[in-house]
């Protein structure tokens, strides 16, 4: 499940993910929101807060994530990943060189620090 966070504004999209992300989560919620932010501002910043119960992606959702990320690799100025299992942190570090913006991971307890970083221009 994807929850759009109320702190989202302008080119900053904040989401909280929980459980297993689905193809519908991407196609009906996240991708349209990110496309709108990119269309309006040229680039976007995204903060992803992972709940303790975050369990990953369905195969179709993983494909959506990878395909969107590759197609828009130059369209993100900052990506913040907060919390999540260790494998997510490793995956973020592995794919960080494939985006043109900055990517940073934060431990679960540092969500306010992540917002401060993502909001800093």
PDB file of N, CA and C in Angstrom:
ATOM      1  N   UNK A   1       0.831  -1.172   0.000  1.00  0.00           N
ATOM      2  CA  UNK A   1       0.000   0.000   0.000  1.00  0.00           C
ATOM      3  C   UNK A   1       0.886   1.249   0.000  1.00  0.00           C
ATOM      4  N   UNK A   2       0.466   2.249  -0.758  1.00  0.00           N
ATOM      5  CA  UNK A   2       1.170   3.525  -0.795  1.00  0.00           C
ATOM      6  C   UNK A   2       0.256   4.598  -0.224  1.00  0.00           C
ATOM      7  N   UNK A   3       0.777   5.331   0.739  1.00  0.00           N
ATOM      8  CA  UNK A   3       0.066   6.470   1.312  1.00  0.00           C
ATOM      9  C   UNK A   3       0.825   7.729   0.915  1.00  0.00           C
ATOM     10  N   UNK A   4       0.138   8.697   0.322  1.00  0.00           N
ATOM     11  CA  UNK A   4       0.747   9.972  -0.034  1.00  0.00           C
ATOM     12  C   UNK A   4       0.769  10.818   1.244  1.00  0.00           C
ATOM     13  N   UNK A   5       1.941  11.303   1.616  1.00  0.00           N
ATOM     14  CA  UNK A   5       2.082  12.038   2.872  1.00  0.00           C
ATOM     15  C   UNK A   5       1.690  13.502   2.708  1.00  0.00           C
ATOM     16  N   UNK A   6       1.085  14.045   3.750  1.00  0.00           N
ATOM     17  CA  UNK A   6       0.577  15.422   3.714  1.00  0.00           C
ATOM     18  C   UNK A   6       1.692  16.457   3.589  1.00  0.00           C
ATOM     19  N   UNK A   7       2.917  16.087   3.908  1.00  0.00           N
ATOM     20  CA  UNK A   7       4.046  17.017   3.793  1.00  0.00           C
ATOM     21  C   UNK A   7       4.463  17.230   2.336  1.00  0.00           C
ATOM     22  N   UNK A   8       3.896  16.467   1.410  1.00  0.00           N
ATOM     23  CA  UNK A   8       4.215  16.631  -0.017  1.00  0.00           C
ATOM     24  C   UNK A   8       3.838  18.046  -0.442  1.00  0.00           C
ATOM     25  N   UNK A   9       4.668  18.623  -1.290  1.00  0.00           N
ATOM     26  CA  UNK A   9       4.412  19.979  -1.775  1.00  0.00           C
ATOM     27  C   UNK A   9       5.267  20.241  -3.010  1.00  0.00           C
ATOM     28  N   UNK A  10       4.753  21.079  -3.889  1.00  0.00           N
ATOM     29  CA  UNK A  10       5.489  21.483  -5.088  1.00  0.00           C
ATOM     30  C   UNK A  10       6.106  20.263  -5.774  1.00  0.00           C
ATOM     31  N   UNK A  11       7.443  20.232  -5.854  1.00  0.00           N
ATOM     32  CA  UNK A  11       8.132  19.118  -6.514  1.00  0.00           C
ATOM     33  C   UNK A  11       8.527  18.005  -5.552  1.00  0.00           C
ATOM     34  N   UNK A  12       8.094  18.088  -4.296  1.00  0.00           N
ATOM     35  CA  UNK A  12       8.435  17.077  -3.286  1.00  0.00           C
ATOM     36  C   UNK A  12       7.247  16.128  -3.101  1.00  0.00           C
ATOM     37  N   UNK A  13       7.503  14.850  -3.337  1.00  0.00           N
ATOM     38  CA  UNK A  13       6.493  13.814  -3.155  1.00  0.00           C
ATOM     39  C   UNK A  13       6.960  12.926  -2.018  1.00  0.00           C
ATOM     40  N   UNK A  14       6.167  12.866  -0.966  1.00  0.00           N
ATOM     41  CA  UNK A  14       6.462  11.994   0.167  1.00  0.00           C
ATOM     42  C   UNK A  14       5.458  10.865   0.218  1.00  0.00           C
ATOM     43  N   UNK A  15       5.960   9.649   0.356  1.00  0.00           N
ATOM     44  CA  UNK A  15       5.070   8.489   0.448  1.00  0.00           C
ATOM     45  C   UNK A  15       5.496   7.604   1.606  1.00  0.00           C
ATOM     46  N   UNK A  16       4.528   6.861   2.119  1.00  0.00           N
ATOM     47  CA  UNK A  16       4.795   5.838   3.127  1.00  0.00           C
ATOM     48  C   UNK A  16       4.322   4.530   2.522  1.00  0.00           C
ATOM     49  N   UNK A  17       5.194   3.533   2.529  1.00  0.00           N
ATOM     50  CA  UNK A  17       4.858   2.235   1.950  1.00  0.00           C
ATOM     51  C   UNK A  17       4.736   1.201   3.054  1.00  0.00           C
ATOM     52  N   UNK A  18       3.774   0.288   2.859  1.00  0.00           N
ATOM     53  CA  UNK A  18       3.449  -0.704   3.870  1.00  0.00           C
ATOM     54  C   UNK A  18       3.029  -1.984   3.167  1.00  0.00           C
ATOM     55  N   UNK A  19       3.328  -3.121   3.756  1.00  0.00           N
ATOM     56  CA  UNK A  19       2.924  -4.391   3.163  1.00  0.00           C
ATOM     57  C   UNK A  19       3.666  -4.667   1.875  1.00  0.00           C
ATOM     58  N   UNK A  20       2.972  -5.239   0.914  1.00  0.00           N
ATOM     59  CA  UNK A  20       3.547  -5.556  -0.394  1.00  0.00           C
ATOM     60  C   UNK A  20       2.980  -4.578  -1.410  1.00  0.00           C
ATOM     61  N   UNK A  21       3.866  -3.897  -2.138  1.00  0.00           N
ATOM     62  CA  UNK A  21       3.423  -2.940  -3.151  1.00  0.00           C
ATOM     63  C   UNK A  21       2.935  -3.689  -4.384  1.00  0.00           C
ATOM     64  N   UNK A  22       1.853  -3.171  -4.964  1.00  0.00           N
ATOM     65  CA  UNK A  22       1.221  -3.830  -6.104  1.00  0.00           C
ATOM     66  C   UNK A  22       1.355  -2.992  -7.371  1.00  0.00           C
ATOM     67  N   UNK A  23       1.061  -3.624  -8.481  1.00  0.00           N
ATOM     68  CA  UNK A  23       1.023  -2.949  -9.772  1.00  0.00           C
ATOM     69  C   UNK A  23       0.039  -1.770  -9.711  1.00  0.00           C
ATOM     70  N   UNK A  24      -1.109  -1.972  -9.083  1.00  0.00           N
ATOM     71  CA  UNK A  24      -2.120  -0.914  -8.952  1.00  0.00           C
ATOM     72  C   UNK A  24      -1.591   0.252  -8.120  1.00  0.00           C
ATOM     73  N   UNK A  25      -0.815  -0.030  -7.069  1.00  0.00           N
ATOM     74  CA  UNK A  25      -0.226   1.045  -6.262  1.00  0.00           C
ATOM     75  C   UNK A  25       0.578   1.992  -7.151  1.00  0.00           C
ATOM     76  N   UNK A  26       1.340   1.413  -8.063  1.00  0.00           N
ATOM     77  CA  UNK A  26       2.173   2.221  -8.954  1.00  0.00           C
ATOM     78  C   UNK A  26       1.330   2.935 -10.015  1.00  0.00           C
ATOM     79  N   UNK A  27       0.508   2.163 -10.726  1.00  0.00           N
ATOM     80  CA  UNK A  27      -0.211   2.718 -11.879  1.00  0.00           C
ATOM     81  C   UNK A  27      -1.326   3.683 -11.492  1.00  0.00           C
ATOM     82  N   UNK A  28      -1.939   3.480 -10.327  1.00  0.00           N
ATOM     83  CA  UNK A  28      -3.075   4.314  -9.930  1.00  0.00           C
ATOM     84  C   UNK A  28      -2.693   5.435  -8.976  1.00  0.00           C
ATOM     85  N   UNK A  29      -1.582   5.312  -8.274  1.00  0.00           N
ATOM     86  CA  UNK A  29      -1.236   6.318  -7.266  1.00  0.00           C
ATOM     87  C   UNK A  29       0.113   6.974  -7.533  1.00  0.00           C
ATOM     88  N   UNK A  30       1.176   6.205  -7.463  1.00  0.00           N
ATOM     89  CA  UNK A  30       2.512   6.796  -7.463  1.00  0.00           C
ATOM     90  C   UNK A  30       2.942   7.371  -8.809  1.00  0.00           C
ATOM     91  N   UNK A  31       2.827   6.609  -9.871  1.00  0.00           N
ATOM     92  CA  UNK A  31       3.310   7.080 -11.173  1.00  0.00           C
ATOM     93  C   UNK A  31       2.582   8.350 -11.627  1.00  0.00           C
ATOM     94  N   UNK A  32       1.249   8.416 -11.546  1.00  0.00           N
ATOM     95  CA  UNK A  32       0.596   9.668 -11.947  1.00  0.00           C
ATOM     96  C   UNK A  32       1.039  10.877 -11.111  1.00  0.00           C
ATOM     97  N   UNK A  33       1.243  10.669  -9.822  1.00  0.00           N
ATOM     98  CA  UNK A  33       1.684  11.761  -8.956  1.00  0.00           C
ATOM     99  C   UNK A  33       3.085  12.236  -9.321  1.00  0.00           C
ATOM    100  N   UNK A  34       3.992  11.296  -9.551  1.00  0.00           N
ATOM    101  CA  UNK A  34       5.353  11.660  -9.936  1.00  0.00           C
ATOM    102  C   UNK A  34       5.387  12.310 -11.318  1.00  0.00           C
ATOM    103  N   UNK A  35       4.623  11.778 -12.255  1.00  0.00           N
ATOM    104  CA  UNK A  35       4.578  12.379 -13.593  1.00  0.00           C
ATOM    105  C   UNK A  35       4.062  13.818 -13.538  1.00  0.00           C
ATOM    106  N   UNK A  36       3.071  14.067 -12.680  1.00  0.00           N
ATOM    107  CA  UNK A  36       2.542  15.420 -12.529  1.00  0.00           C
ATOM    108  C   UNK A  36       3.608  16.352 -11.946  1.00  0.00           C
ATOM    109  N   UNK A  37       4.312  15.905 -10.915  1.00  0.00           N
ATOM    110  CA  UNK A  37       5.361  16.736 -10.304  1.00  0.00           C
ATOM    111  C   UNK A  37       6.461  17.041 -11.310  1.00  0.00           C
ATOM    112  N   UNK A  38       6.860  16.049 -12.084  1.00  0.00           N
ATOM    113  CA  UNK A  38       7.911  16.246 -13.091  1.00  0.00           C
ATOM    114  C   UNK A  38       7.427  17.197 -14.185  1.00  0.00           C
ATOM    115  N   UNK A  39       6.189  17.012 -14.643  1.00  0.00           N
ATOM    116  CA  UNK A  39       5.645  17.875 -15.701  1.00  0.00           C
ATOM    117  C   UNK A  39       5.559  19.331 -15.239  1.00  0.00           C
ATOM    118  N   UNK A  40       5.178  19.549 -13.980  1.00  0.00           N
ATOM    119  CA  UNK A  40       4.999  20.910 -13.470  1.00  0.00           C
ATOM    120  C   UNK A  40       6.305  21.585 -13.079  1.00  0.00           C
ATOM    121  N   UNK A  41       7.306  20.808 -12.640  1.00  0.00           N
ATOM    122  CA  UNK A  41       8.520  21.398 -12.067  1.00  0.00           C
ATOM    123  C   UNK A  41       9.803  21.005 -12.788  1.00  0.00           C
ATOM    124  N   UNK A  42       9.721  20.139 -13.767  1.00  0.00           N
ATOM    125  CA  UNK A  42      10.919  19.728 -14.496  1.00  0.00           C
ATOM    126  C   UNK A  42      11.624  18.547 -13.862  1.00  0.00           C
ATOM    127  N   UNK A  43      11.747  18.568 -12.553  1.00  0.00           N
ATOM    128  CA  UNK A  43      12.345  17.458 -11.787  1.00  0.00           C
ATOM    129  C   UNK A  43      11.549  17.302 -10.507  1.00  0.00           C
ATOM    130  N   UNK A  44      11.713  16.179  -9.852  1.00  0.00           N
ATOM    131  CA  UNK A  44      11.006  15.919  -8.600  1.00  0.00           C
ATOM    132  C   UNK A  44      11.984  15.452  -7.533  1.00  0.00           C
ATOM    133  N   UNK A  45      11.560  15.611  -6.304  1.00  0.00           N
ATOM    134  CA  UNK A  45      12.248  15.036  -5.151  1.00  0.00           C
ATOM    135  C   UNK A  45      11.265  14.073  -4.502  1.00  0.00           C
ATOM    136  N   UNK A  46      11.746  12.914  -4.069  1.00  0.00           N
ATOM    137  CA  UNK A  46      10.849  11.933  -3.466  1.00  0.00           C
ATOM    138  C   UNK A  46      11.439  11.414  -2.162  1.00  0.00           C
ATOM    139  N   UNK A  47      10.564  11.293  -1.173  1.00  0.00           N
ATOM    140  CA  UNK A  47      10.915  10.695   0.110  1.00  0.00           C
ATOM    141  C   UNK A  47      10.048   9.463   0.273  1.00  0.00           C
ATOM    142  N   UNK A  48      10.676   8.330   0.498  1.00  0.00           N
ATOM    143  CA  UNK A  48       9.973   7.064   0.688  1.00  0.00           C
ATOM    144  C   UNK A  48      10.219   6.595   2.114  1.00  0.00           C
ATOM    145  N   UNK A  49       9.155   6.602   2.919  1.00  0.00           N
ATOM    146  CA  UNK A  49       9.231   6.109   4.295  1.00  0.00           C
ATOM    147  C   UNK A  49       8.665   4.695   4.308  1.00  0.00           C
ATOM    148  N   UNK A  50       9.471   3.733   4.743  1.00  0.00           N
ATOM    149  CA  UNK A  50       9.045   2.343   4.757  1.00  0.00           C
ATOM    150  C   UNK A  50       8.602   1.938   6.162  1.00  0.00           C
ATOM    151  N   UNK A  51       7.356   1.481   6.270  1.00  0.00           N
ATOM    152  CA  UNK A  51       6.834   0.989   7.546  1.00  0.00           C
ATOM    153  C   UNK A  51       7.584  -0.280   7.939  1.00  0.00           C
ATOM    154  N   UNK A  52       7.534  -0.601   9.211  1.00  0.00           N
ATOM    155  CA  UNK A  52       8.189  -1.832   9.679  1.00  0.00           C
ATOM    156  C   UNK A  52       7.622  -3.060   8.992  1.00  0.00           C
ATOM    157  N   UNK A  53       6.378  -2.983   8.557  1.00  0.00           N
ATOM    158  CA  UNK A  53       5.725  -4.120   7.917  1.00  0.00           C
ATOM    159  C   UNK A  53       5.876  -4.108   6.397  1.00  0.00           C
ATOM    160  N   UNK A  54       6.716  -3.215   5.865  1.00  0.00           N
ATOM    161  CA  UNK A  54       6.963  -3.216   4.423  1.00  0.00           C
ATOM    162  C   UNK A  54       7.623  -4.540   4.053  1.00  0.00           C
ATOM    163  N   UNK A  55       7.071  -5.204   3.015  1.00  0.00           N
ATOM    164  CA  UNK A  55       7.552  -6.539   2.658  1.00  0.00           C
ATOM    165  C   UNK A  55       8.038  -6.654   1.218  1.00  0.00           C
ATOM    166  N   UNK A  56       8.066  -5.537   0.475  1.00  0.00           N
ATOM    167  CA  UNK A  56       8.602  -5.599  -0.875  1.00  0.00           C
ATOM    168  C   UNK A  56       7.566  -5.322  -1.943  1.00  0.00           C
ATOM    169  N   UNK A  57       7.813  -5.886  -3.120  1.00  0.00           N
ATOM    170  CA  UNK A  57       7.020  -5.611  -4.306  1.00  0.00           C
ATOM    171  C   UNK A  57       6.505  -6.895  -4.930  1.00  0.00           C
ATOM    172  N   UNK A  58       5.287  -6.837  -5.486  1.00  0.00           N
ATOM    173  CA  UNK A  58       4.864  -7.877  -6.407  1.00  0.00           C
ATOM    174  C   UNK A  58       5.772  -7.773  -7.632  1.00  0.00           C
ATOM    175  N   UNK A  59       5.870  -8.828  -8.413  1.00  0.00           N
ATOM    176  CA  UNK A  59       6.741  -8.810  -9.582  1.00  0.00           C
ATOM    177  C   UNK A  59       6.369  -7.664 -10.530  1.00  0.00           C
ATOM    178  N   UNK A  60       5.086  -7.478 -10.802  1.00  0.00           N
ATOM    179  CA  UNK A  60       4.659  -6.408 -11.720  1.00  0.00           C
ATOM    180  C   UNK A  60       4.999  -5.038 -11.144  1.00  0.00           C
ATOM    181  N   UNK A  61       4.878  -4.873  -9.840  1.00  0.00           N
ATOM    182  CA  UNK A  61       5.211  -3.592  -9.204  1.00  0.00           C
ATOM    183  C   UNK A  61       6.714  -3.344  -9.245  1.00  0.00           C
ATOM    184  N   UNK A  62       7.499  -4.388  -9.075  1.00  0.00           N
ATOM    185  CA  UNK A  62       8.960  -4.246  -9.178  1.00  0.00           C
ATOM    186  C   UNK A  62       9.339  -3.810 -10.590  1.00  0.00           C
ATOM    187  N   UNK A  63       8.656  -4.367 -11.588  1.00  0.00           N
ATOM    188  CA  UNK A  63       8.902  -3.970 -12.972  1.00  0.00           C
ATOM    189  C   UNK A  63       8.506  -2.504 -13.173  1.00  0.00           C
ATOM    190  N   UNK A  64       7.338  -2.103 -12.643  1.00  0.00           N
ATOM    191  CA  UNK A  64       6.894  -0.710 -12.741  1.00  0.00           C
ATOM    192  C   UNK A  64       7.940   0.225 -12.151  1.00  0.00           C
ATOM    193  N   UNK A  65       8.458  -0.141 -10.984  1.00  0.00           N
ATOM    194  CA  UNK A  65       9.445   0.679 -10.291  1.00  0.00           C
ATOM    195  C   UNK A  65      10.711   0.816 -11.131  1.00  0.00           C
ATOM    196  N   UNK A  66      11.207  -0.302 -11.629  1.00  0.00           N
ATOM    197  CA  UNK A  66      12.438  -0.275 -12.422  1.00  0.00           C
ATOM    198  C   UNK A  66      12.240   0.477 -13.742  1.00  0.00           C
ATOM    199  N   UNK A  67      11.158   0.203 -14.440  1.00  0.00           N
ATOM    200  CA  UNK A  67      10.917   0.848 -15.734  1.00  0.00           C
ATOM    201  C   UNK A  67      10.740   2.356 -15.580  1.00  0.00           C
ATOM    202  N   UNK A  68       9.972   2.772 -14.568  1.00  0.00           N
ATOM    203  CA  UNK A  68       9.773   4.206 -14.346  1.00  0.00           C
ATOM    204  C   UNK A  68      11.088   4.862 -13.956  1.00  0.00           C
ATOM    205  N   UNK A  69      11.839   4.205 -13.084  1.00  0.00           N
ATOM    206  CA  UNK A  69      13.123   4.756 -12.649  1.00  0.00           C
ATOM    207  C   UNK A  69      14.107   4.925 -13.796  1.00  0.00           C
ATOM    208  N   UNK A  70      14.170   3.956 -14.689  1.00  0.00           N
ATOM    209  CA  UNK A  70      15.081   4.048 -15.834  1.00  0.00           C
ATOM    210  C   UNK A  70      14.620   5.145 -16.796  1.00  0.00           C
ATOM    211  N   UNK A  71      13.323   5.174 -17.080  1.00  0.00           N
ATOM    212  CA  UNK A  71      12.799   6.173 -18.013  1.00  0.00           C
ATOM    213  C   UNK A  71      12.948   7.596 -17.483  1.00  0.00           C
ATOM    214  N   UNK A  72      12.960   7.744 -16.170  1.00  0.00           N
ATOM    215  CA  UNK A  72      13.002   9.079 -15.551  1.00  0.00           C
ATOM    216  C   UNK A  72      14.255   9.281 -14.701  1.00  0.00           C
ATOM    217  N   UNK A  73      15.322   8.593 -15.025  1.00  0.00           N
ATOM    218  CA  UNK A  73      16.538   8.661 -14.200  1.00  0.00           C
ATOM    219  C   UNK A  73      17.110  10.065 -14.090  1.00  0.00           C
ATOM    220  N   UNK A  74      16.837  10.928 -15.055  1.00  0.00           N
ATOM    221  CA  UNK A  74      17.335  12.310 -14.999  1.00  0.00           C
ATOM    222  C   UNK A  74      16.313  13.270 -14.405  1.00  0.00           C
ATOM    223  N   UNK A  75      15.160  12.746 -13.988  1.00  0.00           N
ATOM    224  CA  UNK A  75      14.068  13.606 -13.539  1.00  0.00           C
ATOM    225  C   UNK A  75      13.937  13.725 -12.023  1.00  0.00           C
ATOM    226  N   UNK A  76      14.884  13.164 -11.286  1.00  0.00           N
ATOM    227  CA  UNK A  76      14.839  13.256  -9.821  1.00  0.00           C
ATOM    228  C   UNK A  76      16.076  13.984  -9.323  1.00  0.00           C
ATOM    229  N   UNK A  77      15.866  15.057  -8.564  1.00  0.00           N
ATOM    230  CA  UNK A  77      17.010  15.772  -8.006  1.00  0.00           C
ATOM    231  C   UNK A  77      17.451  15.168  -6.683  1.00  0.00           C
ATOM    232  N   UNK A  78      16.490  14.590  -5.933  1.00  0.00           N
ATOM    233  CA  UNK A  78      16.826  13.936  -4.666  1.00  0.00           C
ATOM    234  C   UNK A  78      15.876  12.775  -4.420  1.00  0.00           C
ATOM    235  N   UNK A  79      16.421  11.707  -3.837  1.00  0.00           N
ATOM    236  CA  UNK A  79      15.633  10.559  -3.406  1.00  0.00           C
ATOM    237  C   UNK A  79      16.090  10.217  -1.996  1.00  0.00           C
ATOM    238  N   UNK A  80      15.139  10.206  -1.056  1.00  0.00           N
ATOM    239  CA  UNK A  80      15.429   9.824   0.330  1.00  0.00           C
ATOM    240  C   UNK A  80      14.656   8.547   0.646  1.00  0.00           C
ATOM    241  N   UNK A  81      15.358   7.556   1.173  1.00  0.00           N
ATOM    242  CA  UNK A  81      14.749   6.294   1.588  1.00  0.00           C
ATOM    243  C   UNK A  81      14.888   6.206   3.100  1.00  0.00           C
ATOM    244  N   UNK A  82      13.765   6.050   3.796  1.00  0.00           N
ATOM    245  CA  UNK A  82      13.753   6.033   5.257  1.00  0.00           C
ATOM    246  C   UNK A  82      13.292   4.671   5.752  1.00  0.00           C
ATOM    247  N   UNK A  83      14.135   4.038   6.575  1.00  0.00           N
ATOM    248  CA  UNK A  83      13.782   2.745   7.159  1.00  0.00           C
ATOM    249  C   UNK A  83      13.875   1.627   6.141  1.00  0.00           C
ATOM    250  N   UNK A  84      13.201   0.545   6.445  1.00  0.00           N
ATOM    251  CA  UNK A  84      13.164  -0.598   5.541  1.00  0.00           C
ATOM    252  C   UNK A  84      14.179  -1.652   5.902  1.00  0.00           C
ATOM    253  N   UNK A  85      13.992  -2.840   5.330  1.00  0.00           N
ATOM    254  CA  UNK A  85      14.927  -3.937   5.558  1.00  0.00           C
ATOM    255  C   UNK A  85      16.302  -3.620   4.983  1.00  0.00           C
ATOM    256  N   UNK A  86      17.313  -4.322   5.453  1.00  0.00           N
ATOM    257  CA  UNK A  86      18.683  -4.082   4.987  1.00  0.00           C
ATOM    258  C   UNK A  86      18.832  -4.284   3.481  1.00  0.00           C
ATOM    259  N   UNK A  87      18.087  -5.223   2.909  1.00  0.00           N
ATOM    260  CA  UNK A  87      18.215  -5.472   1.475  1.00  0.00           C
ATOM    261  C   UNK A  87      17.752  -4.274   0.662  1.00  0.00           C
ATOM    262  N   UNK A  88      16.801  -3.486   1.196  1.00  0.00           N
ATOM    263  CA  UNK A  88      16.344  -2.295   0.478  1.00  0.00           C
ATOM    264  C   UNK A  88      17.452  -1.242   0.464  1.00  0.00           C
ATOM    265  N   UNK A  89      18.150  -1.095   1.584  1.00  0.00           N
ATOM    266  CA  UNK A  89      19.260  -0.142   1.660  1.00  0.00           C
ATOM    267  C   UNK A  89      20.342  -0.534   0.656  1.00  0.00           C
ATOM    268  N   UNK A  90      20.674  -1.839   0.581  1.00  0.00           N
ATOM    269  CA  UNK A  90      21.671  -2.297  -0.376  1.00  0.00           C
ATOM    270  C   UNK A  90      21.217  -2.057  -1.808  1.00  0.00           C
ATOM    271  N   UNK A  91      19.940  -2.322  -2.083  1.00  0.00           N
ATOM    272  CA  UNK A  91      19.409  -2.099  -3.437  1.00  0.00           C
ATOM    273  C   UNK A  91      19.472  -0.611  -3.792  1.00  0.00           C
ATOM    274  N   UNK A  92      19.150   0.252  -2.846  1.00  0.00           N
ATOM    275  CA  UNK A  92      19.209   1.700  -3.099  1.00  0.00           C
ATOM    276  C   UNK A  92      20.636   2.123  -3.428  1.00  0.00           C
ATOM    277  N   UNK A  93      21.585   1.611  -2.690  1.00  0.00           N
ATOM    278  CA  UNK A  93      22.987   1.958  -2.954  1.00  0.00           C
ATOM    279  C   UNK A  93      23.456   1.400  -4.293  1.00  0.00           C
ATOM    280  N   UNK A  94      22.965   0.236  -4.644  1.00  0.00           N
ATOM    281  CA  UNK A  94      23.331  -0.381  -5.918  1.00  0.00           C
ATOM    282  C   UNK A  94      22.821   0.442  -7.105  1.00  0.00           C
ATOM    283  N   UNK A  95      21.591   0.954  -6.987  1.00  0.00           N
ATOM    284  CA  UNK A  95      20.983   1.674  -8.107  1.00  0.00           C
ATOM    285  C   UNK A  95      21.216   3.177  -8.071  1.00  0.00           C
ATOM    286  N   UNK A  96      21.796   3.715  -7.015  1.00  0.00           N
ATOM    287  CA  UNK A  96      22.049   5.156  -6.904  1.00  0.00           C
ATOM    288  C   UNK A  96      22.837   5.719  -8.089  1.00  0.00           C
ATOM    289  N   UNK A  97      23.848   5.032  -8.608  1.00  0.00           N
ATOM    290  CA  UNK A  97      24.586   5.596  -9.744  1.00  0.00           C
ATOM    291  C   UNK A  97      23.757   5.742 -11.026  1.00  0.00           C
ATOM    292  N   UNK A  98      22.593   5.111 -11.071  1.00  0.00           N
ATOM    293  CA  UNK A  98      21.772   5.157 -12.279  1.00  0.00           C
ATOM    294  C   UNK A  98      20.795   6.326 -12.314  1.00  0.00           C
ATOM    295  N   UNK A  99      20.759   7.141 -11.264  1.00  0.00           N
ATOM    296  CA  UNK A  99      19.945   8.355 -11.306  1.00  0.00           C
ATOM    297  C   UNK A  99      20.888   9.549 -11.290  1.00  0.00           C
ATOM    298  N   UNK A 100      20.433  10.648 -11.872  1.00  0.00           N
ATOM    299  CA  UNK A 100      21.319  11.810 -11.956  1.00  0.00           C
ATOM    300  C   UNK A 100      21.326  12.632 -10.681  1.00  0.00           C
ATOM    301  N   UNK A 101      20.314  12.484  -9.853  1.00  0.00           N
ATOM    302  CA  UNK A 101      20.238  13.252  -8.611  1.00  0.00           C
ATOM    303  C   UNK A 101      20.927  12.555  -7.463  1.00  0.00           C
ATOM    304  N   UNK A 102      20.760  13.141  -6.289  1.00  0.00           N
ATOM    305  CA  UNK A 102      21.347  12.583  -5.074  1.00  0.00           C
ATOM    306  C   UNK A 102      20.398  11.554  -4.469  1.00  0.00           C
ATOM    307  N   UNK A 103      20.956  10.488  -3.906  1.00  0.00           N
ATOM    308  CA  UNK A 103      20.165   9.494  -3.190  1.00  0.00           C
ATOM    309  C   UNK A 103      20.790   9.301  -1.821  1.00  0.00           C
ATOM    310  N   UNK A 104      19.918   9.225  -0.825  1.00  0.00           N
ATOM    311  CA  UNK A 104      20.418   9.049   0.534  1.00  0.00           C
ATOM    312  C   UNK A 104      19.466   8.152   1.303  1.00  0.00           C
ATOM    313  N   UNK A 105      20.017   7.274   2.155  1.00  0.00           N
ATOM    314  CA  UNK A 105      19.205   6.419   3.014  1.00  0.00           C
ATOM    315  C   UNK A 105      19.302   6.913   4.446  1.00  0.00           C
ATOM    316  N   UNK A 106      18.204   6.744   5.186  1.00  0.00           N
ATOM    317  CA  UNK A 106      18.119   7.161   6.582  1.00  0.00           C
ATOM    318  C   UNK A 106      17.544   6.013   7.396  1.00  0.00           C
ATOM    319  N   UNK A 107      18.032   5.812   8.628  1.00  0.00           N
ATOM    320  CA  UNK A 107      17.421   4.805   9.505  1.00  0.00           C
ATOM    321  C   UNK A 107      15.974   5.191   9.821  1.00  0.00           C
ATOM    322  N   UNK A 108      15.176   4.221  10.225  1.00  0.00           N
ATOM    323  CA  UNK A 108      13.750   4.431  10.480  1.00  0.00           C
ATOM    324  C   UNK A 108      13.487   5.585  11.449  1.00  0.00           C
ATOM    325  N   UNK A 109      14.311   5.784  12.422  1.00  0.00           N
ATOM    326  CA  UNK A 109      14.094   6.830  13.417  1.00  0.00           C
ATOM    327  C   UNK A 109      14.452   8.232  12.961  1.00  0.00           C
ATOM    328  N   UNK A 110      14.919   8.380  11.727  1.00  0.00           N
ATOM    329  CA  UNK A 110      15.385   9.687  11.259  1.00  0.00           C
ATOM    330  C   UNK A 110      14.510  10.281  10.157  1.00  0.00           C
ATOM    331  N   UNK A 111      13.197  10.110  10.284  1.00  0.00           N
ATOM    332  CA  UNK A 111      12.298  10.627   9.256  1.00  0.00           C
ATOM    333  C   UNK A 111      12.331  12.156   9.203  1.00  0.00           C
ATOM    334  N   UNK A 112      12.461  12.831  10.348  1.00  0.00           N
ATOM    335  CA  UNK A 112      12.522  14.299  10.333  1.00  0.00           C
ATOM    336  C   UNK A 112      13.803  14.790   9.656  1.00  0.00           C
ATOM    337  N   UNK A 113      14.908  14.102   9.885  1.00  0.00           N
ATOM    338  CA  UNK A 113      16.159  14.455   9.218  1.00  0.00           C
ATOM    339  C   UNK A 113      16.041  14.255   7.702  1.00  0.00           C
ATOM    340  N   UNK A 114      15.335  13.198   7.308  1.00  0.00           N
ATOM    341  CA  UNK A 114      15.134  12.931   5.881  1.00  0.00           C
ATOM    342  C   UNK A 114      14.293  14.043   5.251  1.00  0.00           C
ATOM    343  N   UNK A 115      13.250  14.494   5.954  1.00  0.00           N
ATOM    344  CA  UNK A 115      12.450  15.603   5.423  1.00  0.00           C
ATOM    345  C   UNK A 115      13.270  16.881   5.325  1.00  0.00           C
ATOM    346  N   UNK A 116      14.093  17.145   6.320  1.00  0.00           N
ATOM    347  CA  UNK A 116      14.935  18.344   6.269  1.00  0.00           C
ATOM    348  C   UNK A 116      15.886  18.272   5.069  1.00  0.00           C
ATOM    349  N   UNK A 117      16.458  17.099   4.817  1.00  0.00           N
ATOM    350  CA  UNK A 117      17.368  16.937   3.682  1.00  0.00           C
ATOM    351  C   UNK A 117      16.630  17.079   2.345  1.00  0.00           C
ATOM    352  N   UNK A 118      15.486  16.429   2.215  1.00  0.00           N
ATOM    353  CA  UNK A 118      14.765  16.460   0.943  1.00  0.00           C
ATOM    354  C   UNK A 118      14.224  17.859   0.658  1.00  0.00           C
ATOM    355  N   UNK A 119      13.870  18.619   1.699  1.00  0.00           N
ATOM    356  CA  UNK A 119      13.342  19.965   1.528  1.00  0.00           C
ATOM    357  C   UNK A 119      14.424  21.006   1.235  1.00  0.00           C
ATOM    358  N   UNK A 120      15.655  20.708   1.607  1.00  0.00           N
ATOM    359  CA  UNK A 120      16.750  21.660   1.345  1.00  0.00           C
ATOM    360  C   UNK A 120      17.013  21.714  -0.154  1.00  0.00           C
ATOM    361  N   UNK A 121      17.015  22.911  -0.688  1.00  0.00           N
ATOM    362  CA  UNK A 121      17.195  23.057  -2.147  1.00  0.00           C
ATOM    363  C   UNK A 121      18.616  22.792  -2.585  1.00  0.00           C
TER     364      UNK A 121
END
